[in-house]
């Protein structure tokens, strides 16, 4: 289940914490289609909904998924604690920091942090 929310007048599609795992380009396309239909500019996915492969850079799942979002000009936000992934993979930690400096893929702890990012 997803809900459309307005954060600082920006339409954001928020995925529920419960639901099937998201781990493929097709999963990304399904979210992008839903976001496009609802005219959302960002999609928020709880970290727990992402497959473990998303957090392993060697699988390229994160790259493939984020590339799909970039192609359709919709931002992707990973919401929640990803510490266990960044602590076990310095490369993934670097990826997170790099993404958070951009405008396409963000990793945030909570909706308050997202609201701050969208306001700026």
PDB file of N, CA and C in Angstrom:
ATOM      1  N   UNK A   1       0.838  -1.178   0.000  1.00  0.00           N
ATOM      2  CA  UNK A   1       0.000   0.000   0.000  1.00  0.00           C
ATOM      3  C   UNK A   1       0.885   1.244   0.000  1.00  0.00           C
ATOM      4  N   UNK A   2       0.486   2.215  -0.738  1.00  0.00           N
ATOM      5  CA  UNK A   2       1.196   3.478  -0.798  1.00  0.00           C
ATOM      6  C   UNK A   2       0.218   4.608  -0.525  1.00  0.00           C
ATOM      7  N   UNK A   3       0.759   5.728  -0.053  1.00  0.00           N
ATOM      8  CA  UNK A   3      -0.065   6.911   0.159  1.00  0.00           C
ATOM      9  C   UNK A   3       0.647   8.100  -0.471  1.00  0.00           C
ATOM     10  N   UNK A   4      -0.144   9.030  -0.966  1.00  0.00           N
ATOM     11  CA  UNK A   4       0.408  10.253  -1.529  1.00  0.00           C
ATOM     12  C   UNK A   4       0.339  11.329  -0.455  1.00  0.00           C
ATOM     13  N   UNK A   5       1.475  11.935  -0.171  1.00  0.00           N
ATOM     14  CA  UNK A   5       1.554  12.996   0.824  1.00  0.00           C
ATOM     15  C   UNK A   5       2.156  14.231   0.167  1.00  0.00           C
ATOM     16  N   UNK A   6       1.820  15.379   0.714  1.00  0.00           N
ATOM     17  CA  UNK A   6       2.425  16.638   0.284  1.00  0.00           C
ATOM     18  C   UNK A   6       3.392  17.065   1.381  1.00  0.00           C
ATOM     19  N   UNK A   7       4.655  17.226   1.018  1.00  0.00           N
ATOM     20  CA  UNK A   7       5.658  17.712   1.957  1.00  0.00           C
ATOM     21  C   UNK A   7       6.240  18.981   1.343  1.00  0.00           C
ATOM     22  N   UNK A   8       5.957  20.107   1.981  1.00  0.00           N
ATOM     23  CA  UNK A   8       6.369  21.413   1.442  1.00  0.00           C
ATOM     24  C   UNK A   8       5.883  21.581   0.001  1.00  0.00           C
ATOM     25  N   UNK A   9       4.634  21.223  -0.224  1.00  0.00           N
ATOM     26  CA  UNK A   9       3.989  21.335  -1.534  1.00  0.00           C
ATOM     27  C   UNK A   9       4.609  20.445  -2.605  1.00  0.00           C
ATOM     28  N   UNK A  10       5.335  19.441  -2.188  1.00  0.00           N
ATOM     29  CA  UNK A  10       5.932  18.486  -3.126  1.00  0.00           C
ATOM     30  C   UNK A  10       5.207  17.158  -2.963  1.00  0.00           C
ATOM     31  N   UNK A  11       4.627  16.627  -4.042  1.00  0.00           N
ATOM     32  CA  UNK A  11       3.936  15.341  -3.933  1.00  0.00           C
ATOM     33  C   UNK A  11       4.930  14.186  -3.775  1.00  0.00           C
ATOM     34  N   UNK A  12       4.722  13.409  -2.704  1.00  0.00           N
ATOM     35  CA  UNK A  12       5.623  12.323  -2.351  1.00  0.00           C
ATOM     36  C   UNK A  12       4.796  11.049  -2.166  1.00  0.00           C
ATOM     37  N   UNK A  13       5.163  10.006  -2.884  1.00  0.00           N
ATOM     38  CA  UNK A  13       4.510   8.710  -2.743  1.00  0.00           C
ATOM     39  C   UNK A  13       5.256   7.929  -1.669  1.00  0.00           C
ATOM     40  N   UNK A  14       4.565   7.548  -0.598  1.00  0.00           N
ATOM     41  CA  UNK A  14       5.185   6.872   0.535  1.00  0.00           C
ATOM     42  C   UNK A  14       4.709   5.421   0.570  1.00  0.00           C
ATOM     43  N   UNK A  15       5.655   4.507   0.491  1.00  0.00           N
ATOM     44  CA  UNK A  15       5.337   3.081   0.566  1.00  0.00           C
ATOM     45  C   UNK A  15       5.171   2.675   2.023  1.00  0.00           C
ATOM     46  N   UNK A  16       4.247   1.778   2.258  1.00  0.00           N
ATOM     47  CA  UNK A  16       4.014   1.263   3.609  1.00  0.00           C
ATOM     48  C   UNK A  16       5.201   0.425   4.058  1.00  0.00           C
ATOM     49  N   UNK A  17       5.367   0.327   5.362  1.00  0.00           N
ATOM     50  CA  UNK A  17       6.452  -0.474   5.921  1.00  0.00           C
ATOM     51  C   UNK A  17       6.254  -1.957   5.617  1.00  0.00           C
ATOM     52  N   UNK A  18       4.992  -2.372   5.533  1.00  0.00           N
ATOM     53  CA  UNK A  18       4.693  -3.770   5.241  1.00  0.00           C
ATOM     54  C   UNK A  18       4.482  -3.914   3.742  1.00  0.00           C
ATOM     55  N   UNK A  19       4.908  -5.051   3.242  1.00  0.00           N
ATOM     56  CA  UNK A  19       4.682  -5.315   1.832  1.00  0.00           C
ATOM     57  C   UNK A  19       5.798  -6.156   1.258  1.00  0.00           C
ATOM     58  N   UNK A  20       5.672  -6.483  -0.006  1.00  0.00           N
ATOM     59  CA  UNK A  20       6.682  -7.331  -0.636  1.00  0.00           C
ATOM     60  C   UNK A  20       8.028  -6.615  -0.749  1.00  0.00           C
ATOM     61  N   UNK A  21       9.057  -7.405  -0.806  1.00  0.00           N
ATOM     62  CA  UNK A  21      10.403  -6.887  -0.952  1.00  0.00           C
ATOM     63  C   UNK A  21      10.573  -6.208  -2.313  1.00  0.00           C
ATOM     64  N   UNK A  22      11.354  -5.154  -2.336  1.00  0.00           N
ATOM     65  CA  UNK A  22      11.642  -4.425  -3.565  1.00  0.00           C
ATOM     66  C   UNK A  22      13.100  -4.696  -3.895  1.00  0.00           C
ATOM     67  N   UNK A  23      13.342  -5.328  -5.040  1.00  0.00           N
ATOM     68  CA  UNK A  23      14.712  -5.706  -5.345  1.00  0.00           C
ATOM     69  C   UNK A  23      15.020  -5.900  -6.811  1.00  0.00           C
ATOM     70  N   UNK A  24      14.134  -5.426  -7.673  1.00  0.00           N
ATOM     71  CA  UNK A  24      14.391  -5.609  -9.104  1.00  0.00           C
ATOM     72  C   UNK A  24      14.007  -4.348  -9.869  1.00  0.00           C
ATOM     73  N   UNK A  25      14.462  -4.291 -11.108  1.00  0.00           N
ATOM     74  CA  UNK A  25      14.093  -3.173 -11.966  1.00  0.00           C
ATOM     75  C   UNK A  25      12.581  -3.149 -12.185  1.00  0.00           C
ATOM     76  N   UNK A  26      11.956  -4.307 -12.274  1.00  0.00           N
ATOM     77  CA  UNK A  26      10.501  -4.339 -12.452  1.00  0.00           C
ATOM     78  C   UNK A  26       9.787  -3.771 -11.232  1.00  0.00           C
ATOM     79  N   UNK A  27      10.285  -4.078 -10.050  1.00  0.00           N
ATOM     80  CA  UNK A  27       9.715  -3.497  -8.833  1.00  0.00           C
ATOM     81  C   UNK A  27       9.822  -1.973  -8.892  1.00  0.00           C
ATOM     82  N   UNK A  28      10.979  -1.489  -9.340  1.00  0.00           N
ATOM     83  CA  UNK A  28      11.183  -0.041  -9.475  1.00  0.00           C
ATOM     84  C   UNK A  28      10.199   0.542 -10.488  1.00  0.00           C
ATOM     85  N   UNK A  29      10.038  -0.122 -11.615  1.00  0.00           N
ATOM     86  CA  UNK A  29       9.112   0.370 -12.644  1.00  0.00           C
ATOM     87  C   UNK A  29       7.675   0.408 -12.139  1.00  0.00           C
ATOM     88  N   UNK A  30       7.302  -0.566 -11.318  1.00  0.00           N
ATOM     89  CA  UNK A  30       5.958  -0.563 -10.738  1.00  0.00           C
ATOM     90  C   UNK A  30       5.761   0.663  -9.848  1.00  0.00           C
ATOM     91  N   UNK A  31       6.770   0.967  -9.025  1.00  0.00           N
ATOM     92  CA  UNK A  31       6.688   2.151  -8.170  1.00  0.00           C
ATOM     93  C   UNK A  31       6.679   3.436  -8.996  1.00  0.00           C
ATOM     94  N   UNK A  32       7.494   3.475 -10.017  1.00  0.00           N
ATOM     95  CA  UNK A  32       7.570   4.648 -10.891  1.00  0.00           C
ATOM     96  C   UNK A  32       6.237   4.870 -11.602  1.00  0.00           C
ATOM     97  N   UNK A  33       5.627   3.793 -12.055  1.00  0.00           N
ATOM     98  CA  UNK A  33       4.321   3.902 -12.713  1.00  0.00           C
ATOM     99  C   UNK A  33       3.275   4.447 -11.762  1.00  0.00           C
ATOM    100  N   UNK A  34       3.274   3.946 -10.544  1.00  0.00           N
ATOM    101  CA  UNK A  34       2.337   4.423  -9.530  1.00  0.00           C
ATOM    102  C   UNK A  34       2.598   5.893  -9.220  1.00  0.00           C
ATOM    103  N   UNK A  35       3.868   6.245  -9.075  1.00  0.00           N
ATOM    104  CA  UNK A  35       4.226   7.640  -8.788  1.00  0.00           C
ATOM    105  C   UNK A  35       3.816   8.555  -9.937  1.00  0.00           C
ATOM    106  N   UNK A  36       4.063   8.121 -11.149  1.00  0.00           N
ATOM    107  CA  UNK A  36       3.695   8.925 -12.310  1.00  0.00           C
ATOM    108  C   UNK A  36       2.192   9.130 -12.396  1.00  0.00           C
ATOM    109  N   UNK A  37       1.445   8.083 -12.144  1.00  0.00           N
ATOM    110  CA  UNK A  37      -0.012   8.163 -12.169  1.00  0.00           C
ATOM    111  C   UNK A  37      -0.527   9.178 -11.148  1.00  0.00           C
ATOM    112  N   UNK A  38       0.135   9.221  -9.995  1.00  0.00           N
ATOM    113  CA  UNK A  38      -0.290  10.131  -8.926  1.00  0.00           C
ATOM    114  C   UNK A  38       0.462  11.467  -8.947  1.00  0.00           C
ATOM    115  N   UNK A  39       1.292  11.642  -9.966  1.00  0.00           N
ATOM    116  CA  UNK A  39       2.063  12.875 -10.165  1.00  0.00           C
ATOM    117  C   UNK A  39       3.003  13.177  -9.001  1.00  0.00           C
ATOM    118  N   UNK A  40       3.560  12.126  -8.406  1.00  0.00           N
ATOM    119  CA  UNK A  40       4.526  12.288  -7.323  1.00  0.00           C
ATOM    120  C   UNK A  40       5.899  12.600  -7.910  1.00  0.00           C
ATOM    121  N   UNK A  41       6.653  13.405  -7.202  1.00  0.00           N
ATOM    122  CA  UNK A  41       8.012  13.741  -7.633  1.00  0.00           C
ATOM    123  C   UNK A  41       9.068  12.919  -6.909  1.00  0.00           C
ATOM    124  N   UNK A  42       8.668  12.329  -5.781  1.00  0.00           N
ATOM    125  CA  UNK A  42       9.562  11.473  -4.995  1.00  0.00           C
ATOM    126  C   UNK A  42       8.813  10.222  -4.560  1.00  0.00           C
ATOM    127  N   UNK A  43       9.544   9.121  -4.411  1.00  0.00           N
ATOM    128  CA  UNK A  43       9.008   7.884  -3.848  1.00  0.00           C
ATOM    129  C   UNK A  43       9.838   7.544  -2.617  1.00  0.00           C
ATOM    130  N   UNK A  44       9.161   7.285  -1.506  1.00  0.00           N
ATOM    131  CA  UNK A  44       9.819   6.933  -0.252  1.00  0.00           C
ATOM    132  C   UNK A  44       9.607   5.448   0.005  1.00  0.00           C
ATOM    133  N   UNK A  45      10.710   4.731   0.151  1.00  0.00           N
ATOM    134  CA  UNK A  45      10.658   3.294   0.403  1.00  0.00           C
ATOM    135  C   UNK A  45      11.342   3.008   1.746  1.00  0.00           C
ATOM    136  N   UNK A  46      10.630   2.383   2.675  1.00  0.00           N
ATOM    137  CA  UNK A  46      11.284   1.994   3.932  1.00  0.00           C
ATOM    138  C   UNK A  46      12.448   1.046   3.643  1.00  0.00           C
ATOM    139  N   UNK A  47      13.556   1.263   4.325  1.00  0.00           N
ATOM    140  CA  UNK A  47      14.746   0.438   4.105  1.00  0.00           C
ATOM    141  C   UNK A  47      14.443  -1.053   4.269  1.00  0.00           C
ATOM    142  N   UNK A  48      13.559  -1.382   5.189  1.00  0.00           N
ATOM    143  CA  UNK A  48      13.226  -2.789   5.440  1.00  0.00           C
ATOM    144  C   UNK A  48      12.539  -3.444   4.244  1.00  0.00           C
ATOM    145  N   UNK A  49      11.964  -2.656   3.354  1.00  0.00           N
ATOM    146  CA  UNK A  49      11.290  -3.212   2.169  1.00  0.00           C
ATOM    147  C   UNK A  49      12.266  -3.552   1.049  1.00  0.00           C
ATOM    148  N   UNK A  50      13.479  -3.019   1.116  1.00  0.00           N
ATOM    149  CA  UNK A  50      14.457  -3.275   0.059  1.00  0.00           C
ATOM    150  C   UNK A  50      15.147  -4.606   0.296  1.00  0.00           C
ATOM    151  N   UNK A  51      15.370  -5.329  -0.779  1.00  0.00           N
ATOM    152  CA  UNK A  51      16.052  -6.618  -0.664  1.00  0.00           C
ATOM    153  C   UNK A  51      17.483  -6.397  -0.173  1.00  0.00           C
ATOM    154  N   UNK A  52      18.046  -7.398   0.457  1.00  0.00           N
ATOM    155  CA  UNK A  52      19.425  -7.289   0.933  1.00  0.00           C
ATOM    156  C   UNK A  52      20.389  -7.004  -0.211  1.00  0.00           C
ATOM    157  N   UNK A  53      20.078  -7.485  -1.408  1.00  0.00           N
ATOM    158  CA  UNK A  53      20.947  -7.232  -2.564  1.00  0.00           C
ATOM    159  C   UNK A  53      21.063  -5.745  -2.881  1.00  0.00           C
ATOM    160  N   UNK A  54      20.052  -4.961  -2.547  1.00  0.00           N
ATOM    161  CA  UNK A  54      20.117  -3.524  -2.786  1.00  0.00           C
ATOM    162  C   UNK A  54      21.304  -2.927  -2.038  1.00  0.00           C
ATOM    163  N   UNK A  55      21.604  -3.451  -0.866  1.00  0.00           N
ATOM    164  CA  UNK A  55      22.652  -2.904  -0.010  1.00  0.00           C
ATOM    165  C   UNK A  55      24.030  -3.513  -0.274  1.00  0.00           C
ATOM    166  N   UNK A  56      24.127  -4.409  -1.243  1.00  0.00           N
ATOM    167  CA  UNK A  56      25.406  -5.006  -1.650  1.00  0.00           C
ATOM    168  C   UNK A  56      25.743  -4.445  -3.027  1.00  0.00           C
ATOM    169  N   UNK A  57      26.690  -3.543  -3.071  1.00  0.00           N
ATOM    170  CA  UNK A  57      26.988  -2.848  -4.322  1.00  0.00           C
ATOM    171  C   UNK A  57      27.394  -3.790  -5.441  1.00  0.00           C
ATOM    172  N   UNK A  58      28.050  -4.881  -5.110  1.00  0.00           N
ATOM    173  CA  UNK A  58      28.511  -5.796  -6.161  1.00  0.00           C
ATOM    174  C   UNK A  58      27.356  -6.398  -6.962  1.00  0.00           C
ATOM    175  N   UNK A  59      26.151  -6.428  -6.390  1.00  0.00           N
ATOM    176  CA  UNK A  59      25.002  -6.974  -7.115  1.00  0.00           C
ATOM    177  C   UNK A  59      24.455  -5.983  -8.143  1.00  0.00           C
ATOM    178  N   UNK A  60      24.788  -4.707  -7.982  1.00  0.00           N
ATOM    179  CA  UNK A  60      24.340  -3.611  -8.852  1.00  0.00           C
ATOM    180  C   UNK A  60      22.841  -3.331  -8.787  1.00  0.00           C
ATOM    181  N   UNK A  61      22.163  -3.933  -7.832  1.00  0.00           N
ATOM    182  CA  UNK A  61      20.717  -3.719  -7.708  1.00  0.00           C
ATOM    183  C   UNK A  61      20.419  -2.253  -7.400  1.00  0.00           C
ATOM    184  N   UNK A  62      21.148  -1.655  -6.464  1.00  0.00           N
ATOM    185  CA  UNK A  62      20.916  -0.245  -6.130  1.00  0.00           C
ATOM    186  C   UNK A  62      21.131   0.630  -7.355  1.00  0.00           C
ATOM    187  N   UNK A  63      22.161   0.357  -8.108  1.00  0.00           N
ATOM    188  CA  UNK A  63      22.437   1.135  -9.314  1.00  0.00           C
ATOM    189  C   UNK A  63      21.348   1.004 -10.354  1.00  0.00           C
ATOM    190  N   UNK A  64      20.891  -0.215 -10.583  1.00  0.00           N
ATOM    191  CA  UNK A  64      19.832  -0.438 -11.574  1.00  0.00           C
ATOM    192  C   UNK A  64      18.528   0.243 -11.162  1.00  0.00           C
ATOM    193  N   UNK A  65      18.180   0.102  -9.887  1.00  0.00           N
ATOM    194  CA  UNK A  65      16.933   0.703  -9.412  1.00  0.00           C
ATOM    195  C   UNK A  65      17.022   2.228  -9.459  1.00  0.00           C
ATOM    196  N   UNK A  66      18.110   2.787  -8.956  1.00  0.00           N
ATOM    197  CA  UNK A  66      18.229   4.250  -8.950  1.00  0.00           C
ATOM    198  C   UNK A  66      18.299   4.800 -10.370  1.00  0.00           C
ATOM    199  N   UNK A  67      18.883   4.053 -11.293  1.00  0.00           N
ATOM    200  CA  UNK A  67      18.939   4.493 -12.691  1.00  0.00           C
ATOM    201  C   UNK A  67      17.536   4.571 -13.304  1.00  0.00           C
ATOM    202  N   UNK A  68      16.693   3.615 -12.978  1.00  0.00           N
ATOM    203  CA  UNK A  68      15.313   3.659 -13.482  1.00  0.00           C
ATOM    204  C   UNK A  68      14.603   4.916 -12.987  1.00  0.00           C
ATOM    205  N   UNK A  69      14.768   5.218 -11.700  1.00  0.00           N
ATOM    206  CA  UNK A  69      14.144   6.421 -11.160  1.00  0.00           C
ATOM    207  C   UNK A  69      14.703   7.670 -11.852  1.00  0.00           C
ATOM    208  N   UNK A  70      16.007   7.688 -12.090  1.00  0.00           N
ATOM    209  CA  UNK A  70      16.625   8.840 -12.754  1.00  0.00           C
ATOM    210  C   UNK A  70      16.082   9.006 -14.172  1.00  0.00           C
ATOM    211  N   UNK A  71      15.901   7.902 -14.883  1.00  0.00           N
ATOM    212  CA  UNK A  71      15.382   7.963 -16.254  1.00  0.00           C
ATOM    213  C   UNK A  71      14.008   8.609 -16.306  1.00  0.00           C
ATOM    214  N   UNK A  72      13.205   8.369 -15.294  1.00  0.00           N
ATOM    215  CA  UNK A  72      11.846   8.908 -15.260  1.00  0.00           C
ATOM    216  C   UNK A  72      11.749  10.204 -14.452  1.00  0.00           C
ATOM    217  N   UNK A  73      12.899  10.700 -14.019  1.00  0.00           N
ATOM    218  CA  UNK A  73      12.982  11.969 -13.276  1.00  0.00           C
ATOM    219  C   UNK A  73      12.114  11.986 -12.014  1.00  0.00           C
ATOM    220  N   UNK A  74      12.165  10.870 -11.311  1.00  0.00           N
ATOM    221  CA  UNK A  74      11.476  10.753 -10.024  1.00  0.00           C
ATOM    222  C   UNK A  74      12.539  10.409  -8.990  1.00  0.00           C
ATOM    223  N   UNK A  75      12.535  11.147  -7.886  1.00  0.00           N
ATOM    224  CA  UNK A  75      13.518  10.893  -6.834  1.00  0.00           C
ATOM    225  C   UNK A  75      13.140   9.680  -6.003  1.00  0.00           C
ATOM    226  N   UNK A  76      14.154   9.035  -5.459  1.00  0.00           N
ATOM    227  CA  UNK A  76      13.962   7.870  -4.598  1.00  0.00           C
ATOM    228  C   UNK A  76      14.566   8.166  -3.234  1.00  0.00           C
ATOM    229  N   UNK A  77      13.798   7.892  -2.196  1.00  0.00           N
ATOM    230  CA  UNK A  77      14.254   8.074  -0.821  1.00  0.00           C
ATOM    231  C   UNK A  77      14.189   6.728  -0.109  1.00  0.00           C
ATOM    232  N   UNK A  78      15.301   6.337   0.497  1.00  0.00           N
ATOM    233  CA  UNK A  78      15.341   5.159   1.351  1.00  0.00           C
ATOM    234  C   UNK A  78      15.212   5.678   2.774  1.00  0.00           C
ATOM    235  N   UNK A  79      14.148   5.246   3.439  1.00  0.00           N
ATOM    236  CA  UNK A  79      13.793   5.773   4.752  1.00  0.00           C
ATOM    237  C   UNK A  79      14.093   4.755   5.838  1.00  0.00           C
ATOM    238  N   UNK A  80      14.865   5.166   6.839  1.00  0.00           N
ATOM    239  CA  UNK A  80      15.092   4.290   7.980  1.00  0.00           C
ATOM    240  C   UNK A  80      16.564   4.055   8.252  1.00  0.00           C
ATOM    241  N   UNK A  81      16.808   3.223   9.232  1.00  0.00           N
ATOM    242  CA  UNK A  81      18.163   2.943   9.698  1.00  0.00           C
ATOM    243  C   UNK A  81      18.853   1.935   8.782  1.00  0.00           C
ATOM    244  N   UNK A  82      19.950   2.350   8.198  1.00  0.00           N
ATOM    245  CA  UNK A  82      20.732   1.456   7.330  1.00  0.00           C
ATOM    246  C   UNK A  82      22.125   1.220   7.912  1.00  0.00           C
ATOM    247  N   UNK A  83      22.277   1.506   9.197  1.00  0.00           N
ATOM    248  CA  UNK A  83      23.580   1.428   9.856  1.00  0.00           C
ATOM    249  C   UNK A  83      24.233   0.063   9.675  1.00  0.00           C
ATOM    250  N   UNK A  84      23.471  -1.003   9.787  1.00  0.00           N
ATOM    251  CA  UNK A  84      24.097  -2.332   9.678  1.00  0.00           C
ATOM    252  C   UNK A  84      24.732  -2.526   8.309  1.00  0.00           C
ATOM    253  N   UNK A  85      24.199  -1.883   7.300  1.00  0.00           N
ATOM    254  CA  UNK A  85      24.763  -2.004   5.948  1.00  0.00           C
ATOM    255  C   UNK A  85      25.987  -1.120   5.773  1.00  0.00           C
ATOM    256  N   UNK A  86      25.943   0.091   6.313  1.00  0.00           N
ATOM    257  CA  UNK A  86      27.084   0.992   6.165  1.00  0.00           C
ATOM    258  C   UNK A  86      28.256   0.561   7.041  1.00  0.00           C
ATOM    259  N   UNK A  87      27.959  -0.068   8.177  1.00  0.00           N
ATOM    260  CA  UNK A  87      29.036  -0.528   9.058  1.00  0.00           C
ATOM    261  C   UNK A  87      29.763  -1.745   8.498  1.00  0.00           C
ATOM    262  N   UNK A  88      29.049  -2.578   7.766  1.00  0.00           N
ATOM    263  CA  UNK A  88      29.678  -3.784   7.218  1.00  0.00           C
ATOM    264  C   UNK A  88      30.297  -3.541   5.847  1.00  0.00           C
ATOM    265  N   UNK A  89      29.974  -2.422   5.215  1.00  0.00           N
ATOM    266  CA  UNK A  89      30.521  -2.131   3.888  1.00  0.00           C
ATOM    267  C   UNK A  89      30.901  -0.659   3.783  1.00  0.00           C
ATOM    268  N   UNK A  90      32.181  -0.364   3.965  1.00  0.00           N
ATOM    269  CA  UNK A  90      32.620   1.021   3.792  1.00  0.00           C
ATOM    270  C   UNK A  90      32.274   1.570   2.406  1.00  0.00           C
ATOM    271  N   UNK A  91      32.319   0.723   1.395  1.00  0.00           N
ATOM    272  CA  UNK A  91      31.976   1.168   0.043  1.00  0.00           C
ATOM    273  C   UNK A  91      30.517   1.602  -0.025  1.00  0.00           C
ATOM    274  N   UNK A  92      29.636   0.864   0.651  1.00  0.00           N
ATOM    275  CA  UNK A  92      28.233   1.267   0.659  1.00  0.00           C
ATOM    276  C   UNK A  92      28.062   2.569   1.422  1.00  0.00           C
ATOM    277  N   UNK A  93      28.791   2.749   2.498  1.00  0.00           N
ATOM    278  CA  UNK A  93      28.759   4.013   3.235  1.00  0.00           C
ATOM    279  C   UNK A  93      29.169   5.178   2.348  1.00  0.00           C
ATOM    280  N   UNK A  94      30.201   4.970   1.525  1.00  0.00           N
ATOM    281  CA  UNK A  94      30.632   6.008   0.580  1.00  0.00           C
ATOM    282  C   UNK A  94      29.533   6.285  -0.439  1.00  0.00           C
ATOM    283  N   UNK A  95      28.876   5.232  -0.910  1.00  0.00           N
ATOM    284  CA  UNK A  95      27.773   5.373  -1.865  1.00  0.00           C
ATOM    285  C   UNK A  95      26.644   6.219  -1.267  1.00  0.00           C
ATOM    286  N   UNK A  96      26.310   5.948  -0.010  1.00  0.00           N
ATOM    287  CA  UNK A  96      25.251   6.696   0.676  1.00  0.00           C
ATOM    288  C   UNK A  96      25.618   8.170   0.765  1.00  0.00           C
ATOM    289  N   UNK A  97      26.848   8.460   1.191  1.00  0.00           N
ATOM    290  CA  UNK A  97      27.276   9.856   1.306  1.00  0.00           C
ATOM    291  C   UNK A  97      27.232  10.557  -0.050  1.00  0.00           C
ATOM    292  N   UNK A  98      27.676   9.880  -1.083  1.00  0.00           N
ATOM    293  CA  UNK A  98      27.654  10.462  -2.423  1.00  0.00           C
ATOM    294  C   UNK A  98      26.218  10.730  -2.880  1.00  0.00           C
ATOM    295  N   UNK A  99      25.341   9.768  -2.674  1.00  0.00           N
ATOM    296  CA  UNK A  99      23.939   9.936  -3.062  1.00  0.00           C
ATOM    297  C   UNK A  99      23.293  11.093  -2.309  1.00  0.00           C
ATOM    298  N   UNK A 100      23.579  11.213  -1.028  1.00  0.00           N
ATOM    299  CA  UNK A 100      22.966  12.260  -0.222  1.00  0.00           C
ATOM    300  C   UNK A 100      23.446  13.658  -0.597  1.00  0.00           C
ATOM    301  N   UNK A 101      24.511  13.748  -1.376  1.00  0.00           N
ATOM    302  CA  UNK A 101      24.961  15.043  -1.888  1.00  0.00           C
ATOM    303  C   UNK A 101      24.271  15.405  -3.194  1.00  0.00           C
ATOM    304  N   UNK A 102      23.529  14.461  -3.762  1.00  0.00           N
ATOM    305  CA  UNK A 102      22.854  14.682  -5.036  1.00  0.00           C
ATOM    306  C   UNK A 102      21.383  15.018  -4.877  1.00  0.00           C
ATOM    307  N   UNK A 103      20.649  14.910  -5.968  1.00  0.00           N
ATOM    308  CA  UNK A 103      19.218  15.237  -5.987  1.00  0.00           C
ATOM    309  C   UNK A 103      18.364  14.095  -6.523  1.00  0.00           C
ATOM    310  N   UNK A 104      18.893  12.871  -6.524  1.00  0.00           N
ATOM    311  CA  UNK A 104      18.151  11.770  -7.119  1.00  0.00           C
ATOM    312  C   UNK A 104      17.833  10.649  -6.138  1.00  0.00           C
ATOM    313  N   UNK A 105      18.784  10.291  -5.302  1.00  0.00           N
ATOM    314  CA  UNK A 105      18.630   9.193  -4.353  1.00  0.00           C
ATOM    315  C   UNK A 105      19.146   9.663  -3.001  1.00  0.00           C
ATOM    316  N   UNK A 106      18.260   9.623  -2.008  1.00  0.00           N
ATOM    317  CA  UNK A 106      18.619  10.037  -0.657  1.00  0.00           C
ATOM    318  C   UNK A 106      18.372   8.904   0.318  1.00  0.00           C
ATOM    319  N   UNK A 107      19.192   8.863   1.332  1.00  0.00           N
ATOM    320  CA  UNK A 107      19.026   7.954   2.453  1.00  0.00           C
ATOM    321  C   UNK A 107      18.783   8.825   3.683  1.00  0.00           C
ATOM    322  N   UNK A 108      17.603   8.707   4.286  1.00  0.00           N
ATOM    323  CA  UNK A 108      17.244   9.529   5.437  1.00  0.00           C
ATOM    324  C   UNK A 108      16.745   8.644   6.569  1.00  0.00           C
ATOM    325  N   UNK A 109      16.913   9.142   7.796  1.00  0.00           N
ATOM    326  CA  UNK A 109      16.503   8.384   8.976  1.00  0.00           C
ATOM    327  C   UNK A 109      14.992   8.378   9.172  1.00  0.00           C
ATOM    328  N   UNK A 110      14.352   9.528   8.929  1.00  0.00           N
ATOM    329  CA  UNK A 110      12.924   9.655   9.229  1.00  0.00           C
ATOM    330  C   UNK A 110      12.294  10.723   8.335  1.00  0.00           C
ATOM    331  N   UNK A 111      10.983  10.859   8.454  1.00  0.00           N
ATOM    332  CA  UNK A 111      10.269  11.830   7.620  1.00  0.00           C
ATOM    333  C   UNK A 111      10.651  13.271   7.939  1.00  0.00           C
ATOM    334  N   UNK A 112      11.035  13.532   9.179  1.00  0.00           N
ATOM    335  CA  UNK A 112      11.467  14.886   9.539  1.00  0.00           C
ATOM    336  C   UNK A 112      12.725  15.266   8.759  1.00  0.00           C
ATOM    337  N   UNK A 113      13.650  14.334   8.653  1.00  0.00           N
ATOM    338  CA  UNK A 113      14.870  14.592   7.895  1.00  0.00           C
ATOM    339  C   UNK A 113      14.540  14.771   6.413  1.00  0.00           C
ATOM    340  N   UNK A 114      13.598  14.000   5.917  1.00  0.00           N
ATOM    341  CA  UNK A 114      13.168  14.158   4.534  1.00  0.00           C
ATOM    342  C   UNK A 114      12.558  15.538   4.317  1.00  0.00           C
ATOM    343  N   UNK A 115      11.712  15.958   5.241  1.00  0.00           N
ATOM    344  CA  UNK A 115      11.086  17.277   5.116  1.00  0.00           C
ATOM    345  C   UNK A 115      12.134  18.384   5.073  1.00  0.00           C
ATOM    346  N   UNK A 116      13.170  18.244   5.882  1.00  0.00           N
ATOM    347  CA  UNK A 116      14.263  19.229   5.874  1.00  0.00           C
ATOM    348  C   UNK A 116      14.958  19.253   4.520  1.00  0.00           C
ATOM    349  N   UNK A 117      15.205  18.074   3.972  1.00  0.00           N
ATOM    350  CA  UNK A 117      15.879  17.994   2.659  1.00  0.00           C
ATOM    351  C   UNK A 117      15.024  18.589   1.555  1.00  0.00           C
ATOM    352  N   UNK A 118      13.733  18.323   1.606  1.00  0.00           N
ATOM    353  CA  UNK A 118      12.842  18.838   0.566  1.00  0.00           C
ATOM    354  C   UNK A 118      12.628  20.347   0.682  1.00  0.00           C
ATOM    355  N   UNK A 119      12.784  20.872   1.863  1.00  0.00           N
ATOM    356  CA  UNK A 119      12.594  22.308   2.071  1.00  0.00           C
ATOM    357  C   UNK A 119      13.768  23.094   1.482  1.00  0.00           C
ATOM    358  N   UNK A 120      14.967  22.497   1.519  1.00  0.00           N
ATOM    359  CA  UNK A 120      16.161  23.206   1.083  1.00  0.00           C
ATOM    360  C   UNK A 120      16.343  23.224  -0.340  1.00  0.00           C
TER     361      UNK A 120
END
